[in-house]
Amino acid sequence: MEGIELRNEIIDTGIKLIRSGLTHGTCGNISCRIPDRDEILITPSGIPYEKIKPSNILKVNFDGRVEGRKSPSVETPLHLSIYKKRDDVGAIIHTHSTYALAVSAVATSIPIFLDEIFSHIGGELTVAKYALPGSEKLAQNVVDSLKHKNAVLLSNHGAVCCGKNLEIAFEAVEAVEKICKIFILSSALGKIKTLPEKGREYQMEMFEMKKK
């Protein structure tokens, strides 16, 4: 079977998401770019992460042609749009985690108030405008908001995180959930203090070094 190592890595990442409480049931989706090809591997629709087998992972090319017996995630257009726009992205994880969902339902962005926002995400954590799940409009909204960064929130819908591989993308998922939790707690305490310019410059350097 082609790409067995990547398929198993996708499955392992899905199980980590479930065990970490970062998604539940069949919510969310995971994909990887096949190295040096305009093709991706992506999780199937409607199968719990613990029950996904390597043969259930779908291969999809950049034109949308699907190889596999199952139906690919409904968010396949979103994943493809990011890969087409960002050569540096090798993996994408979409989650429905608790604090990310809470923030995505009320905020338009999270300002740069923690070092981790830059070092893990690359800047302000914006909230992409709402569009129907699986739609080309949602895919475009996400690409527009994501820009060069590793994460974006989807209005009323959760988070999308990416990186050069699944390990980095998963780190971004964990960081986003922690940042959203701290943002909620900080907002309840009072006015949030944003990071000084010197701190932003330093953290941006760390982000760029990590990407390389």
N, C-alpha and C. Protein backbone atom coordinates (compact mmCIF):
# COMPACT_ATOMS: atom_id res chain seq x y z
N MET A 1 0.85 -1.20 0.00
CA MET A 1 0.00 0.00 0.00
C MET A 1 0.89 1.25 0.00
N GLU A 2 0.58 2.17 -0.90
CA GLU A 2 1.40 3.39 -1.01
C GLU A 2 1.25 4.28 0.21
N GLY A 3 2.37 4.84 0.66
CA GLY A 3 2.34 5.80 1.75
C GLY A 3 1.94 5.22 3.08
N ILE A 4 2.31 3.96 3.35
CA ILE A 4 1.86 3.31 4.59
C ILE A 4 2.35 4.04 5.83
N GLU A 5 3.57 4.58 5.80
CA GLU A 5 4.09 5.28 6.97
C GLU A 5 3.29 6.54 7.27
N LEU A 6 2.99 7.32 6.21
CA LEU A 6 2.18 8.52 6.40
C LEU A 6 0.77 8.18 6.84
N ARG A 7 0.21 7.11 6.29
CA ARG A 7 -1.13 6.68 6.69
C ARG A 7 -1.17 6.33 8.18
N ASN A 8 -0.18 5.60 8.63
CA ASN A 8 -0.12 5.23 10.05
C ASN A 8 0.11 6.45 10.93
N GLU A 9 0.89 7.42 10.44
CA GLU A 9 1.12 8.64 11.21
C GLU A 9 -0.17 9.45 11.34
N ILE A 10 -0.96 9.48 10.28
CA ILE A 10 -2.26 10.15 10.33
C ILE A 10 -3.16 9.48 11.37
N ILE A 11 -3.19 8.16 11.36
CA ILE A 11 -4.02 7.41 12.32
C ILE A 11 -3.55 7.68 13.75
N ASP A 12 -2.25 7.62 13.97
CA ASP A 12 -1.70 7.87 15.31
C ASP A 12 -2.04 9.28 15.79
N THR A 13 -1.98 10.25 14.88
CA THR A 13 -2.30 11.63 15.24
C THR A 13 -3.77 11.76 15.61
N GLY A 14 -4.64 11.09 14.89
CA GLY A 14 -6.07 11.12 15.21
C GLY A 14 -6.35 10.56 16.59
N ILE A 15 -5.69 9.47 16.93
CA ILE A 15 -5.86 8.88 18.25
C ILE A 15 -5.33 9.81 19.34
N LYS A 16 -4.22 10.49 19.06
CA LYS A 16 -3.68 11.48 20.01
C LYS A 16 -4.68 12.62 20.23
N LEU A 17 -5.34 13.06 19.16
CA LEU A 17 -6.34 14.12 19.29
C LEU A 17 -7.47 13.69 20.21
N ILE A 18 -7.94 12.47 20.03
CA ILE A 18 -9.04 11.96 20.85
C ILE A 18 -8.60 11.84 22.31
N ARG A 19 -7.45 11.24 22.53
CA ARG A 19 -6.98 11.01 23.90
C ARG A 19 -6.62 12.30 24.62
N SER A 20 -6.27 13.33 23.85
CA SER A 20 -5.94 14.64 24.45
C SER A 20 -7.17 15.52 24.62
N GLY A 21 -8.32 15.04 24.18
CA GLY A 21 -9.54 15.81 24.29
C GLY A 21 -9.61 16.97 23.32
N LEU A 22 -8.85 16.90 22.23
CA LEU A 22 -8.79 18.00 21.26
C LEU A 22 -9.83 17.86 20.15
N THR A 23 -10.49 16.72 20.10
CA THR A 23 -11.64 16.53 19.23
C THR A 23 -12.41 15.34 19.78
N HIS A 24 -13.51 14.97 19.11
CA HIS A 24 -14.31 13.87 19.62
C HIS A 24 -15.04 13.19 18.47
N GLY A 25 -15.32 11.91 18.65
CA GLY A 25 -16.07 11.16 17.64
C GLY A 25 -15.39 11.20 16.28
N THR A 26 -16.14 11.71 15.31
CA THR A 26 -15.61 11.83 13.94
C THR A 26 -15.36 13.28 13.56
N CYS A 27 -15.41 14.18 14.54
CA CYS A 27 -15.24 15.60 14.24
C CYS A 27 -13.80 15.92 13.86
N GLY A 28 -13.63 16.85 12.94
CA GLY A 28 -12.31 17.26 12.50
C GLY A 28 -11.77 16.36 11.40
N ASN A 29 -10.55 16.63 10.96
CA ASN A 29 -9.93 15.87 9.88
C ASN A 29 -8.43 16.14 9.86
N ILE A 30 -7.70 15.22 9.24
CA ILE A 30 -6.23 15.28 9.21
C ILE A 30 -5.75 14.94 7.81
N SER A 31 -4.71 15.64 7.35
CA SER A 31 -4.14 15.32 6.04
C SER A 31 -2.64 15.54 6.04
N CYS A 32 -1.98 14.92 5.07
CA CYS A 32 -0.54 15.08 4.84
C CYS A 32 -0.31 15.24 3.34
N ARG A 33 0.67 16.07 3.00
CA ARG A 33 1.09 16.16 1.61
C ARG A 33 2.02 14.98 1.31
N ILE A 34 1.81 14.33 0.16
CA ILE A 34 2.74 13.30 -0.28
C ILE A 34 3.97 14.01 -0.83
N PRO A 35 5.16 13.74 -0.29
CA PRO A 35 6.37 14.48 -0.67
C PRO A 35 6.60 14.51 -2.18
N ASP A 36 6.90 15.72 -2.66
CA ASP A 36 7.28 15.96 -4.06
C ASP A 36 6.18 15.64 -5.06
N ARG A 37 4.93 15.61 -4.60
CA ARG A 37 3.82 15.35 -5.52
C ARG A 37 2.65 16.26 -5.18
N ASP A 38 1.82 16.54 -6.16
CA ASP A 38 0.62 17.34 -5.94
C ASP A 38 -0.52 16.43 -5.52
N GLU A 39 -0.30 15.72 -4.43
CA GLU A 39 -1.27 14.78 -3.89
C GLU A 39 -1.23 14.81 -2.37
N ILE A 40 -2.36 14.50 -1.75
CA ILE A 40 -2.41 14.44 -0.30
C ILE A 40 -3.07 13.13 0.15
N LEU A 41 -2.84 12.78 1.41
CA LEU A 41 -3.56 11.71 2.07
C LEU A 41 -4.44 12.37 3.12
N ILE A 42 -5.72 11.95 3.20
CA ILE A 42 -6.65 12.62 4.11
C ILE A 42 -7.59 11.60 4.75
N THR A 43 -8.03 11.90 5.96
CA THR A 43 -8.91 11.00 6.69
C THR A 43 -10.27 10.88 6.01
N PRO A 44 -10.92 9.71 6.20
CA PRO A 44 -12.24 9.50 5.60
C PRO A 44 -13.33 10.21 6.39
N SER A 45 -14.47 10.32 5.79
CA SER A 45 -15.63 10.94 6.45
C SER A 45 -16.42 9.88 7.22
N GLY A 46 -16.82 10.24 8.44
CA GLY A 46 -17.75 9.40 9.18
C GLY A 46 -17.19 8.19 9.89
N ILE A 47 -15.86 8.07 10.01
CA ILE A 47 -15.27 6.93 10.72
C ILE A 47 -14.55 7.46 11.97
N PRO A 48 -14.88 6.93 13.17
CA PRO A 48 -14.17 7.37 14.38
C PRO A 48 -12.67 7.14 14.25
N TYR A 49 -11.89 8.03 14.80
CA TYR A 49 -10.44 7.97 14.64
C TYR A 49 -9.85 6.62 15.09
N GLU A 50 -10.39 6.07 16.18
CA GLU A 50 -9.86 4.81 16.70
C GLU A 50 -10.11 3.64 15.75
N LYS A 51 -11.04 3.80 14.81
CA LYS A 51 -11.41 2.70 13.93
C LYS A 51 -10.87 2.87 12.50
N ILE A 52 -10.17 3.96 12.25
CA ILE A 52 -9.62 4.18 10.91
C ILE A 52 -8.46 3.22 10.66
N LYS A 53 -8.47 2.58 9.49
CA LYS A 53 -7.40 1.69 9.07
C LYS A 53 -6.60 2.36 7.96
N PRO A 54 -5.36 1.94 7.74
CA PRO A 54 -4.56 2.54 6.67
C PRO A 54 -5.28 2.56 5.32
N SER A 55 -6.02 1.50 5.02
CA SER A 55 -6.72 1.42 3.73
C SER A 55 -7.89 2.40 3.64
N ASN A 56 -8.33 2.93 4.80
CA ASN A 56 -9.44 3.91 4.80
C ASN A 56 -8.98 5.32 4.45
N ILE A 57 -7.67 5.57 4.57
CA ILE A 57 -7.14 6.89 4.24
C ILE A 57 -7.22 7.10 2.73
N LEU A 58 -7.71 8.26 2.30
CA LEU A 58 -7.91 8.55 0.89
C LEU A 58 -6.73 9.32 0.30
N LYS A 59 -6.41 9.04 -0.94
CA LYS A 59 -5.43 9.84 -1.67
C LYS A 59 -6.20 10.76 -2.61
N VAL A 60 -5.86 12.04 -2.58
CA VAL A 60 -6.55 13.03 -3.40
C VAL A 60 -5.50 13.90 -4.09
N ASN A 61 -5.65 14.09 -5.40
CA ASN A 61 -4.70 14.98 -6.08
C ASN A 61 -5.21 16.41 -6.06
N PHE A 62 -4.39 17.34 -6.50
CA PHE A 62 -4.73 18.77 -6.40
C PHE A 62 -5.89 19.16 -7.30
N ASP A 63 -6.28 18.29 -8.21
CA ASP A 63 -7.47 18.55 -9.04
C ASP A 63 -8.73 17.99 -8.40
N GLY A 64 -8.57 17.32 -7.25
CA GLY A 64 -9.73 16.78 -6.54
C GLY A 64 -10.05 15.34 -6.85
N ARG A 65 -9.23 14.66 -7.66
CA ARG A 65 -9.50 13.26 -7.98
C ARG A 65 -9.17 12.40 -6.78
N VAL A 66 -10.10 11.51 -6.41
CA VAL A 66 -9.99 10.71 -5.20
C VAL A 66 -9.68 9.25 -5.53
N GLU A 67 -8.74 8.70 -4.76
CA GLU A 67 -8.44 7.27 -4.85
C GLU A 67 -8.69 6.64 -3.49
N GLY A 68 -9.61 5.68 -3.44
CA GLY A 68 -9.94 5.01 -2.19
C GLY A 68 -11.38 4.56 -2.19
N ARG A 69 -11.71 3.68 -1.26
CA ARG A 69 -13.05 3.10 -1.22
C ARG A 69 -14.03 3.90 -0.38
N LYS A 70 -13.51 4.75 0.50
CA LYS A 70 -14.37 5.55 1.36
C LYS A 70 -14.52 6.96 0.78
N SER A 71 -15.38 7.75 1.42
CA SER A 71 -15.53 9.16 1.04
C SER A 71 -14.53 9.98 1.84
N PRO A 72 -13.80 10.89 1.19
CA PRO A 72 -12.85 11.73 1.94
C PRO A 72 -13.59 12.73 2.81
N SER A 73 -12.88 13.30 3.75
CA SER A 73 -13.46 14.33 4.61
C SER A 73 -14.17 15.40 3.79
N VAL A 74 -15.27 15.90 4.33
CA VAL A 74 -16.01 16.96 3.64
C VAL A 74 -15.16 18.22 3.49
N GLU A 75 -14.15 18.38 4.36
CA GLU A 75 -13.30 19.57 4.32
C GLU A 75 -12.10 19.41 3.38
N THR A 76 -12.13 18.42 2.49
CA THR A 76 -11.05 18.24 1.54
C THR A 76 -10.75 19.51 0.74
N PRO A 77 -11.76 20.26 0.26
CA PRO A 77 -11.45 21.51 -0.47
C PRO A 77 -10.64 22.50 0.37
N LEU A 78 -10.91 22.55 1.67
CA LEU A 78 -10.16 23.44 2.56
C LEU A 78 -8.70 23.02 2.62
N HIS A 79 -8.45 21.75 2.80
CA HIS A 79 -7.08 21.24 2.87
C HIS A 79 -6.34 21.51 1.57
N LEU A 80 -6.97 21.20 0.45
CA LEU A 80 -6.32 21.39 -0.85
C LEU A 80 -5.98 22.85 -1.09
N SER A 81 -6.87 23.75 -0.68
CA SER A 81 -6.64 25.18 -0.89
C SER A 81 -5.40 25.66 -0.14
N ILE A 82 -5.20 25.15 1.07
CA ILE A 82 -4.02 25.54 1.84
C ILE A 82 -2.75 24.99 1.21
N TYR A 83 -2.77 23.73 0.82
CA TYR A 83 -1.58 23.12 0.20
C TYR A 83 -1.20 23.83 -1.10
N LYS A 84 -2.19 24.21 -1.88
CA LYS A 84 -1.91 24.89 -3.15
C LYS A 84 -1.29 26.27 -2.91
N LYS A 85 -1.68 26.90 -1.82
CA LYS A 85 -1.21 28.26 -1.52
C LYS A 85 0.13 28.26 -0.79
N ARG A 86 0.38 27.21 0.00
CA ARG A 86 1.53 27.19 0.90
C ARG A 86 2.43 25.99 0.63
N ASP A 87 3.55 26.22 -0.05
CA ASP A 87 4.50 25.15 -0.32
C ASP A 87 5.16 24.63 0.95
N ASP A 88 5.18 25.45 2.00
CA ASP A 88 5.85 25.06 3.24
C ASP A 88 5.01 24.15 4.11
N VAL A 89 3.74 23.96 3.78
CA VAL A 89 2.84 23.16 4.59
C VAL A 89 2.87 21.70 4.14
N GLY A 90 3.15 20.81 5.10
CA GLY A 90 3.17 19.38 4.80
C GLY A 90 2.09 18.60 5.51
N ALA A 91 1.39 19.26 6.45
CA ALA A 91 0.34 18.57 7.20
C ALA A 91 -0.68 19.59 7.72
N ILE A 92 -1.93 19.17 7.80
CA ILE A 92 -3.01 20.03 8.28
C ILE A 92 -3.91 19.24 9.21
N ILE A 93 -4.30 19.87 10.33
CA ILE A 93 -5.21 19.25 11.29
C ILE A 93 -6.35 20.23 11.58
N HIS A 94 -7.58 19.77 11.41
CA HIS A 94 -8.77 20.57 11.75
C HIS A 94 -9.42 19.94 12.97
N THR A 95 -9.62 20.75 14.03
CA THR A 95 -10.18 20.23 15.28
C THR A 95 -11.45 20.97 15.69
N HIS A 96 -12.19 20.32 16.58
CA HIS A 96 -13.36 20.92 17.22
C HIS A 96 -13.12 20.94 18.73
N SER A 97 -12.01 21.47 19.15
CA SER A 97 -11.65 21.48 20.56
C SER A 97 -12.46 22.53 21.33
N THR A 98 -12.63 22.28 22.62
CA THR A 98 -13.58 23.05 23.44
C THR A 98 -13.30 24.55 23.46
N TYR A 99 -12.08 24.95 23.83
CA TYR A 99 -11.79 26.38 23.99
C TYR A 99 -11.68 27.09 22.64
N ALA A 100 -11.18 26.39 21.63
CA ALA A 100 -11.13 26.99 20.29
C ALA A 100 -12.54 27.24 19.77
N LEU A 101 -13.45 26.30 20.02
CA LEU A 101 -14.84 26.49 19.61
C LEU A 101 -15.47 27.66 20.36
N ALA A 102 -15.18 27.75 21.65
CA ALA A 102 -15.77 28.84 22.45
C ALA A 102 -15.33 30.20 21.93
N VAL A 103 -14.03 30.35 21.67
CA VAL A 103 -13.53 31.64 21.17
C VAL A 103 -14.05 31.90 19.76
N SER A 104 -14.10 30.89 18.92
CA SER A 104 -14.54 31.07 17.53
C SER A 104 -16.00 31.50 17.45
N ALA A 105 -16.75 31.25 18.52
CA ALA A 105 -18.17 31.60 18.53
C ALA A 105 -18.44 33.05 18.94
N VAL A 106 -17.40 33.72 19.51
CA VAL A 106 -17.66 35.08 20.01
C VAL A 106 -16.65 36.13 19.53
N ALA A 107 -15.43 35.73 19.19
CA ALA A 107 -14.37 36.70 18.89
C ALA A 107 -14.09 36.81 17.40
N THR A 108 -13.45 37.89 17.01
CA THR A 108 -12.99 38.06 15.62
C THR A 108 -11.49 37.79 15.51
N SER A 109 -10.78 37.83 16.65
CA SER A 109 -9.35 37.51 16.68
C SER A 109 -8.88 37.47 18.12
N ILE A 110 -7.70 36.85 18.31
CA ILE A 110 -7.02 36.90 19.60
C ILE A 110 -5.75 37.72 19.38
N PRO A 111 -5.59 38.83 20.10
CA PRO A 111 -4.41 39.68 19.90
C PRO A 111 -3.14 38.98 20.37
N ILE A 112 -2.01 39.57 20.05
CA ILE A 112 -0.72 38.99 20.43
C ILE A 112 -0.44 39.37 21.89
N PHE A 113 -0.88 38.51 22.81
CA PHE A 113 -0.72 38.81 24.24
C PHE A 113 0.13 37.77 24.96
N LEU A 114 0.58 36.74 24.23
CA LEU A 114 1.45 35.72 24.80
C LEU A 114 2.59 35.42 23.83
N ASP A 115 3.75 35.05 24.37
CA ASP A 115 4.87 34.65 23.52
C ASP A 115 4.48 33.53 22.57
N GLU A 116 3.70 32.57 23.07
CA GLU A 116 3.34 31.39 22.29
C GLU A 116 2.52 31.70 21.03
N ILE A 117 1.84 32.83 21.03
CA ILE A 117 1.05 33.18 19.86
C ILE A 117 1.96 33.38 18.65
N PHE A 118 3.13 33.98 18.88
CA PHE A 118 4.08 34.16 17.79
C PHE A 118 4.91 32.89 17.56
N SER A 119 5.46 32.33 18.63
CA SER A 119 6.40 31.22 18.47
C SER A 119 5.75 29.97 17.89
N HIS A 120 4.45 29.76 18.12
CA HIS A 120 3.76 28.59 17.58
C HIS A 120 2.85 28.89 16.40
N ILE A 121 2.35 30.12 16.33
CA ILE A 121 1.36 30.44 15.30
C ILE A 121 1.90 31.41 14.26
N GLY A 122 2.76 32.35 14.70
CA GLY A 122 3.34 33.28 13.75
C GLY A 122 2.67 34.62 13.69
N GLY A 123 1.81 34.92 14.66
CA GLY A 123 1.13 36.21 14.68
C GLY A 123 -0.24 36.11 15.30
N GLU A 124 -1.02 37.15 15.12
CA GLU A 124 -2.37 37.21 15.67
C GLU A 124 -3.19 36.00 15.25
N LEU A 125 -3.94 35.44 16.18
CA LEU A 125 -4.80 34.30 15.87
C LEU A 125 -6.16 34.83 15.40
N THR A 126 -6.33 34.86 14.10
CA THR A 126 -7.54 35.44 13.52
C THR A 126 -8.66 34.40 13.41
N VAL A 127 -9.87 34.89 13.24
CA VAL A 127 -11.04 34.04 13.06
C VAL A 127 -11.56 34.23 11.64
N ALA A 128 -11.48 33.18 10.83
CA ALA A 128 -11.96 33.26 9.45
C ALA A 128 -13.48 33.41 9.44
N LYS A 129 -13.99 34.17 8.49
CA LYS A 129 -15.43 34.39 8.38
C LYS A 129 -16.17 33.08 8.16
N TYR A 130 -17.40 33.04 8.64
CA TYR A 130 -18.20 31.81 8.55
C TYR A 130 -18.60 31.52 7.10
N ALA A 131 -18.57 30.23 6.79
CA ALA A 131 -19.13 29.71 5.54
C ALA A 131 -19.51 28.27 5.81
N LEU A 132 -20.33 27.70 4.96
CA LEU A 132 -20.80 26.34 5.19
C LEU A 132 -19.65 25.33 5.16
N PRO A 133 -19.67 24.35 6.06
CA PRO A 133 -18.64 23.31 6.06
C PRO A 133 -18.52 22.64 4.69
N GLY A 134 -17.29 22.44 4.26
CA GLY A 134 -17.05 21.76 3.00
C GLY A 134 -17.16 22.63 1.76
N SER A 135 -17.51 23.90 1.96
CA SER A 135 -17.72 24.78 0.81
C SER A 135 -16.40 25.41 0.33
N GLU A 136 -16.39 25.80 -0.94
CA GLU A 136 -15.23 26.51 -1.49
C GLU A 136 -15.08 27.86 -0.82
N LYS A 137 -16.20 28.46 -0.40
CA LYS A 137 -16.15 29.75 0.27
C LYS A 137 -15.42 29.63 1.61
N LEU A 138 -15.69 28.57 2.35
CA LEU A 138 -14.98 28.37 3.61
C LEU A 138 -13.48 28.19 3.35
N ALA A 139 -13.15 27.40 2.34
CA ALA A 139 -11.74 27.19 1.98
C ALA A 139 -11.06 28.51 1.68
N GLN A 140 -11.72 29.39 0.93
CA GLN A 140 -11.14 30.68 0.58
C GLN A 140 -11.00 31.57 1.81
N ASN A 141 -12.02 31.57 2.67
CA ASN A 141 -11.96 32.37 3.90
C ASN A 141 -10.80 31.96 4.79
N VAL A 142 -10.56 30.66 4.87
CA VAL A 142 -9.46 30.15 5.70
C VAL A 142 -8.11 30.56 5.12
N VAL A 143 -7.94 30.39 3.83
CA VAL A 143 -6.68 30.78 3.18
C VAL A 143 -6.42 32.27 3.36
N ASP A 144 -7.46 33.08 3.22
CA ASP A 144 -7.31 34.53 3.37
C ASP A 144 -6.88 34.92 4.78
N SER A 145 -7.39 34.22 5.79
CA SER A 145 -7.08 34.55 7.18
C SER A 145 -5.78 33.91 7.65
N LEU A 146 -5.47 32.73 7.14
CA LEU A 146 -4.28 32.01 7.57
C LEU A 146 -3.00 32.72 7.15
N LYS A 147 -2.94 33.15 5.90
CA LYS A 147 -1.75 33.80 5.33
C LYS A 147 -0.50 32.93 5.56
N HIS A 148 0.54 33.47 6.24
CA HIS A 148 1.80 32.75 6.43
C HIS A 148 1.82 31.96 7.73
N LYS A 149 0.75 32.03 8.51
CA LYS A 149 0.76 31.50 9.87
C LYS A 149 0.46 30.00 9.93
N ASN A 150 0.55 29.45 11.14
CA ASN A 150 0.34 28.02 11.35
C ASN A 150 -1.04 27.67 11.89
N ALA A 151 -1.88 28.68 12.12
CA ALA A 151 -3.20 28.38 12.68
C ALA A 151 -4.18 29.50 12.42
N VAL A 152 -5.44 29.13 12.37
CA VAL A 152 -6.54 30.08 12.23
C VAL A 152 -7.77 29.44 12.87
N LEU A 153 -8.61 30.27 13.44
CA LEU A 153 -9.89 29.78 13.95
C LEU A 153 -10.95 29.94 12.86
N LEU A 154 -11.93 29.04 12.87
CA LEU A 154 -13.04 29.11 11.93
C LEU A 154 -14.26 29.57 12.71
N SER A 155 -14.89 30.64 12.27
CA SER A 155 -16.03 31.19 13.00
C SER A 155 -17.08 30.11 13.26
N ASN A 156 -17.39 29.91 14.57
CA ASN A 156 -18.41 28.95 15.01
C ASN A 156 -18.08 27.50 14.63
N HIS A 157 -16.78 27.20 14.42
CA HIS A 157 -16.47 25.91 13.81
C HIS A 157 -15.19 25.25 14.31
N GLY A 158 -14.35 25.92 15.08
CA GLY A 158 -13.15 25.27 15.58
C GLY A 158 -11.87 25.88 15.07
N ALA A 159 -10.87 25.04 14.81
CA ALA A 159 -9.55 25.53 14.43
C ALA A 159 -8.95 24.70 13.30
N VAL A 160 -8.10 25.36 12.51
CA VAL A 160 -7.29 24.68 11.50
C VAL A 160 -5.84 25.02 11.78
N CYS A 161 -5.01 23.98 11.93
CA CYS A 161 -3.59 24.18 12.21
C CYS A 161 -2.75 23.44 11.16
N CYS A 162 -1.58 23.97 10.88
CA CYS A 162 -0.74 23.35 9.87
C CYS A 162 0.73 23.47 10.25
N GLY A 163 1.58 22.76 9.51
CA GLY A 163 3.01 22.79 9.76
C GLY A 163 3.73 21.99 8.69
N LYS A 164 5.05 21.93 8.80
CA LYS A 164 5.82 21.20 7.79
C LYS A 164 5.62 19.70 7.91
N ASN A 165 5.14 19.22 9.06
CA ASN A 165 4.81 17.81 9.24
C ASN A 165 3.74 17.70 10.32
N LEU A 166 3.27 16.48 10.57
CA LEU A 166 2.19 16.28 11.53
C LEU A 166 2.60 16.62 12.95
N GLU A 167 3.86 16.41 13.28
CA GLU A 167 4.32 16.75 14.62
C GLU A 167 4.19 18.24 14.89
N ILE A 168 4.63 19.07 13.95
CA ILE A 168 4.53 20.52 14.10
C ILE A 168 3.07 20.97 14.09
N ALA A 169 2.27 20.38 13.21
CA ALA A 169 0.85 20.73 13.15
C ALA A 169 0.15 20.39 14.46
N PHE A 170 0.50 19.24 15.05
CA PHE A 170 -0.11 18.85 16.33
C PHE A 170 0.31 19.79 17.45
N GLU A 171 1.57 20.23 17.43
CA GLU A 171 2.03 21.22 18.42
C GLU A 171 1.21 22.50 18.31
N ALA A 172 0.89 22.89 17.08
CA ALA A 172 0.08 24.10 16.87
C ALA A 172 -1.33 23.89 17.41
N VAL A 173 -1.88 22.70 17.22
CA VAL A 173 -3.21 22.39 17.76
C VAL A 173 -3.21 22.55 19.29
N GLU A 174 -2.20 21.97 19.93
CA GLU A 174 -2.11 22.08 21.39
C GLU A 174 -1.95 23.53 21.83
N ALA A 175 -1.12 24.28 21.10
CA ALA A 175 -0.88 25.68 21.44
C ALA A 175 -2.15 26.51 21.29
N VAL A 176 -2.88 26.28 20.21
CA VAL A 176 -4.12 27.03 19.97
C VAL A 176 -5.12 26.81 21.10
N GLU A 177 -5.28 25.56 21.51
CA GLU A 177 -6.23 25.28 22.58
C GLU A 177 -5.81 25.94 23.89
N LYS A 178 -4.51 25.89 24.19
CA LYS A 178 -4.01 26.53 25.41
C LYS A 178 -4.18 28.05 25.34
N ILE A 179 -3.86 28.63 24.19
CA ILE A 179 -3.99 30.08 24.01
C ILE A 179 -5.44 30.51 24.16
N CYS A 180 -6.36 29.76 23.56
CA CYS A 180 -7.79 30.10 23.67
C CYS A 180 -8.27 30.01 25.11
N LYS A 181 -7.79 28.99 25.83
CA LYS A 181 -8.17 28.86 27.25
C LYS A 181 -7.66 30.04 28.06
N ILE A 182 -6.40 30.41 27.86
CA ILE A 182 -5.82 31.54 28.61
C ILE A 182 -6.50 32.85 28.22
N PHE A 183 -6.86 33.00 26.95
CA PHE A 183 -7.56 34.20 26.49
C PHE A 183 -8.90 34.35 27.20
N ILE A 184 -9.63 33.25 27.33
CA ILE A 184 -10.92 33.29 28.03
C ILE A 184 -10.72 33.67 29.49
N LEU A 185 -9.76 33.04 30.15
CA LEU A 185 -9.50 33.33 31.56
C LEU A 185 -9.02 34.77 31.75
N SER A 186 -8.11 35.22 30.87
CA SER A 186 -7.57 36.58 30.98
C SER A 186 -8.66 37.63 30.75
N SER A 187 -9.53 37.37 29.79
CA SER A 187 -10.62 38.32 29.49
C SER A 187 -11.55 38.47 30.68
N ALA A 188 -11.71 37.39 31.44
CA ALA A 188 -12.58 37.47 32.62
C ALA A 188 -11.94 38.26 33.75
N LEU A 189 -10.59 38.31 33.77
CA LEU A 189 -9.88 39.01 34.83
C LEU A 189 -9.79 40.52 34.61
N GLY A 190 -9.76 40.92 33.34
CA GLY A 190 -9.63 42.35 33.06
C GLY A 190 -9.12 42.61 31.65
N LYS A 191 -8.57 43.80 31.44
CA LYS A 191 -8.06 44.19 30.13
C LYS A 191 -6.77 43.44 29.81
N ILE A 192 -6.71 42.86 28.63
CA ILE A 192 -5.55 42.08 28.21
C ILE A 192 -4.41 43.01 27.78
N LYS A 193 -3.19 42.70 28.23
CA LYS A 193 -2.00 43.46 27.84
C LYS A 193 -1.36 42.77 26.63
N THR A 194 -1.20 43.48 25.55
CA THR A 194 -0.58 42.90 24.37
C THR A 194 0.94 42.88 24.51
N LEU A 195 1.59 42.02 23.73
CA LEU A 195 3.04 41.85 23.80
C LEU A 195 3.74 43.09 23.24
N PRO A 196 4.77 43.62 23.93
CA PRO A 196 5.52 44.77 23.42
C PRO A 196 6.19 44.45 22.09
N GLU A 197 6.53 45.49 21.35
CA GLU A 197 7.13 45.31 20.03
C GLU A 197 8.42 44.49 20.08
N LYS A 198 9.26 44.74 21.09
CA LYS A 198 10.52 43.99 21.22
C LYS A 198 10.24 42.50 21.38
N GLY A 199 9.23 42.19 22.15
CA GLY A 199 8.85 40.79 22.36
C GLY A 199 8.31 40.16 21.08
N ARG A 200 7.57 40.92 20.29
CA ARG A 200 7.04 40.42 19.02
C ARG A 200 8.17 40.08 18.05
N GLU A 201 9.15 40.98 17.98
CA GLU A 201 10.26 40.77 17.05
C GLU A 201 11.04 39.51 17.42
N TYR A 202 11.28 39.32 18.71
CA TYR A 202 12.03 38.14 19.17
C TYR A 202 11.25 36.87 18.86
N GLN A 203 9.97 36.86 19.15
CA GLN A 203 9.16 35.66 18.94
C GLN A 203 8.98 35.36 17.45
N MET A 204 8.94 36.40 16.63
CA MET A 204 8.83 36.17 15.19
C MET A 204 10.10 35.48 14.67
N GLU A 205 11.26 35.86 15.21
CA GLU A 205 12.50 35.20 14.84
C GLU A 205 12.46 33.72 15.22
N MET A 206 11.91 33.44 16.40
CA MET A 206 11.80 32.05 16.84
C MET A 206 10.86 31.25 15.93
N PHE A 207 9.79 31.89 15.49
CA PHE A 207 8.83 31.24 14.60
C PHE A 207 9.47 30.90 13.27
N GLU A 208 10.21 31.85 12.70
CA GLU A 208 10.85 31.63 11.40
C GLU A 208 11.93 30.55 11.50
N MET A 209 12.67 30.54 12.61
CA MET A 209 13.68 29.50 12.81
C MET A 209 13.03 28.12 12.90
N LYS A 210 11.90 28.05 13.55
CA LYS A 210 11.20 26.77 13.70
C LYS A 210 10.67 26.27 12.37
N LYS A 211 10.22 27.17 11.53
CA LYS A 211 9.71 26.77 10.23
C LYS A 211 10.81 26.18 9.35
N LYS A 212 12.04 26.69 9.51
CA LYS A 212 13.15 26.20 8.71
C LYS A 212 13.65 24.85 9.20
